Amino acid sequence: MDIVNAFGIEEIHKKNLTENESMQTISMAVSKVVRPLPASSLETWFDGTSLSRSMNINLESQLI
């Protein structure tokens, strides 16, 4: 998350998205860099990472 803060991405998101939408978008971007998976597998990947403990979001593919 340091890189998100360093580039001001979270602040940009706050101007255009809700906090939940911002966290979902950041999580999806991180997943594509770390382990590119289809959207249907995103929730499973996310649940196994430390991001799931620091972000209170739902990444079910039907909600995205």
C-alpha atoms as a PDB file:
ATOM      1  CA  MET A   1       0.000   0.000   0.000  1.00  0.00           C
ATOM      2  CA  ASP A   2       3.018   2.303   0.285  1.00  0.00           C
ATOM      3  CA  ILE A   3       3.178   2.676  -3.484  1.00  0.00           C
ATOM      4  CA  VAL A   4      -0.536   3.583  -3.592  1.00  0.00           C
ATOM      5  CA  ASN A   5       0.119   6.341  -1.077  1.00  0.00           C
ATOM      6  CA  ALA A   6       3.359   7.458  -2.752  1.00  0.00           C
ATOM      7  CA  PHE A   7       1.592   8.086  -6.061  1.00  0.00           C
ATOM      8  CA  GLY A   8      -1.461   9.649  -4.435  1.00  0.00           C
ATOM      9  CA  ILE A   9      -3.749   7.041  -5.963  1.00  0.00           C
ATOM     10  CA  GLU A  10      -5.974   6.802  -2.913  1.00  0.00           C
ATOM     11  CA  GLU A  11      -6.496  10.584  -2.902  1.00  0.00           C
ATOM     12  CA  ILE A  12      -7.403  10.551  -6.594  1.00  0.00           C
ATOM     13  CA  HIS A  13      -9.882   7.751  -5.973  1.00  0.00           C
ATOM     14  CA  LYS A  14     -11.483   9.621  -3.055  1.00  0.00           C
ATOM     15  CA  LYS A  15     -12.472  12.398  -5.443  1.00  0.00           C
ATOM     16  CA  ASN A  16     -14.301  10.038  -7.788  1.00  0.00           C
ATOM     17  CA  LEU A  17     -15.212   6.843  -5.931  1.00  0.00           C
ATOM     18  CA  THR A  18     -16.629   5.731  -2.627  1.00  0.00           C
ATOM     19  CA  GLU A  19     -14.118   4.327  -0.149  1.00  0.00           C
ATOM     20  CA  ASN A  20     -15.345   0.793  -0.846  1.00  0.00           C
ATOM     21  CA  GLU A  21     -15.071   1.253  -4.629  1.00  0.00           C
ATOM     22  CA  SER A  22     -11.589   2.677  -4.187  1.00  0.00           C
ATOM     23  CA  MET A  23     -10.402  -0.280  -2.113  1.00  0.00           C
ATOM     24  CA  GLN A  24     -11.947  -2.733  -4.607  1.00  0.00           C
ATOM     25  CA  THR A  25     -10.185  -1.037  -7.510  1.00  0.00           C
ATOM     26  CA  ILE A  26      -6.837  -0.969  -5.712  1.00  0.00           C
ATOM     27  CA  SER A  27      -7.192  -4.637  -4.730  1.00  0.00           C
ATOM     28  CA  MET A  28      -8.002  -5.634  -8.306  1.00  0.00           C
ATOM     29  CA  ALA A  29      -4.984  -3.712  -9.624  1.00  0.00           C
ATOM     30  CA  VAL A  30      -2.683  -5.322  -7.058  1.00  0.00           C
ATOM     31  CA  SER A  31      -4.022  -8.776  -7.932  1.00  0.00           C
ATOM     32  CA  LYS A  32      -3.297  -8.254 -11.638  1.00  0.00           C
ATOM     33  CA  VAL A  33       0.300  -7.320 -10.854  1.00  0.00           C
ATOM     34  CA  VAL A  34       0.934 -10.025  -8.247  1.00  0.00           C
ATOM     35  CA  ARG A  35      -1.077 -12.909  -9.679  1.00  0.00           C
ATOM     36  CA  PRO A  36      -3.117 -12.319 -12.835  1.00  0.00           C
ATOM     37  CA  LEU A  37      -6.390 -14.205 -12.439  1.00  0.00           C
ATOM     38  CA  PRO A  38      -9.863 -13.884 -13.938  1.00  0.00           C
ATOM     39  CA  ALA A  39     -12.373 -11.805 -11.967  1.00  0.00           C
ATOM     40  CA  SER A  40     -14.163 -14.984 -10.915  1.00  0.00           C
ATOM     41  CA  SER A  41     -11.045 -16.069  -8.961  1.00  0.00           C
ATOM     42  CA  LEU A  42     -10.268 -12.694  -7.438  1.00  0.00           C
ATOM     43  CA  GLU A  43     -12.123 -13.249  -4.157  1.00  0.00           C
ATOM     44  CA  THR A  44     -10.312 -16.543  -3.478  1.00  0.00           C
ATOM     45  CA  TRP A  45      -6.928 -14.929  -4.104  1.00  0.00           C
ATOM     46  CA  PHE A  46      -7.800 -11.891  -1.994  1.00  0.00           C
ATOM     47  CA  ASP A  47      -9.003 -13.967   0.964  1.00  0.00           C
ATOM     48  CA  GLY A  48      -5.584 -15.643   1.131  1.00  0.00           C
ATOM     49  CA  THR A  49      -3.621 -12.383   1.326  1.00  0.00           C
ATOM     50  CA  SER A  50      -2.801  -9.907   4.071  1.00  0.00           C
ATOM     51  CA  LEU A  51      -4.867  -7.329   2.170  1.00  0.00           C
ATOM     52  CA  SER A  52      -8.028  -9.128   3.272  1.00  0.00           C
ATOM     53  CA  ARG A  53      -7.100  -8.469   6.888  1.00  0.00           C
ATOM     54  CA  SER A  54      -6.364  -4.777   6.359  1.00  0.00           C
ATOM     55  CA  MET A  55      -9.249  -3.961   3.991  1.00  0.00           C
ATOM     56  CA  ASN A  56     -12.870  -4.552   4.877  1.00  0.00           C
ATOM     57  CA  ILE A  57     -14.229  -5.146   1.371  1.00  0.00           C
ATOM     58  CA  ASN A  58     -16.140  -7.791  -0.541  1.00  0.00           C
ATOM     59  CA  LEU A  59     -14.670  -8.897  -3.860  1.00  0.00           C
ATOM     60  CA  GLU A  60     -17.344 -11.318  -5.042  1.00  0.00           C
ATOM     61  CA  SER A  61     -17.245 -11.224  -8.826  1.00  0.00           C
ATOM     62  CA  GLN A  62     -20.999 -10.583  -9.036  1.00  0.00           C
ATOM     63  CA  LEU A  63     -20.580  -7.342  -7.051  1.00  0.00           C
ATOM     64  CA  ILE A  64     -17.687  -5.932  -9.077  1.00  0.00           C
END
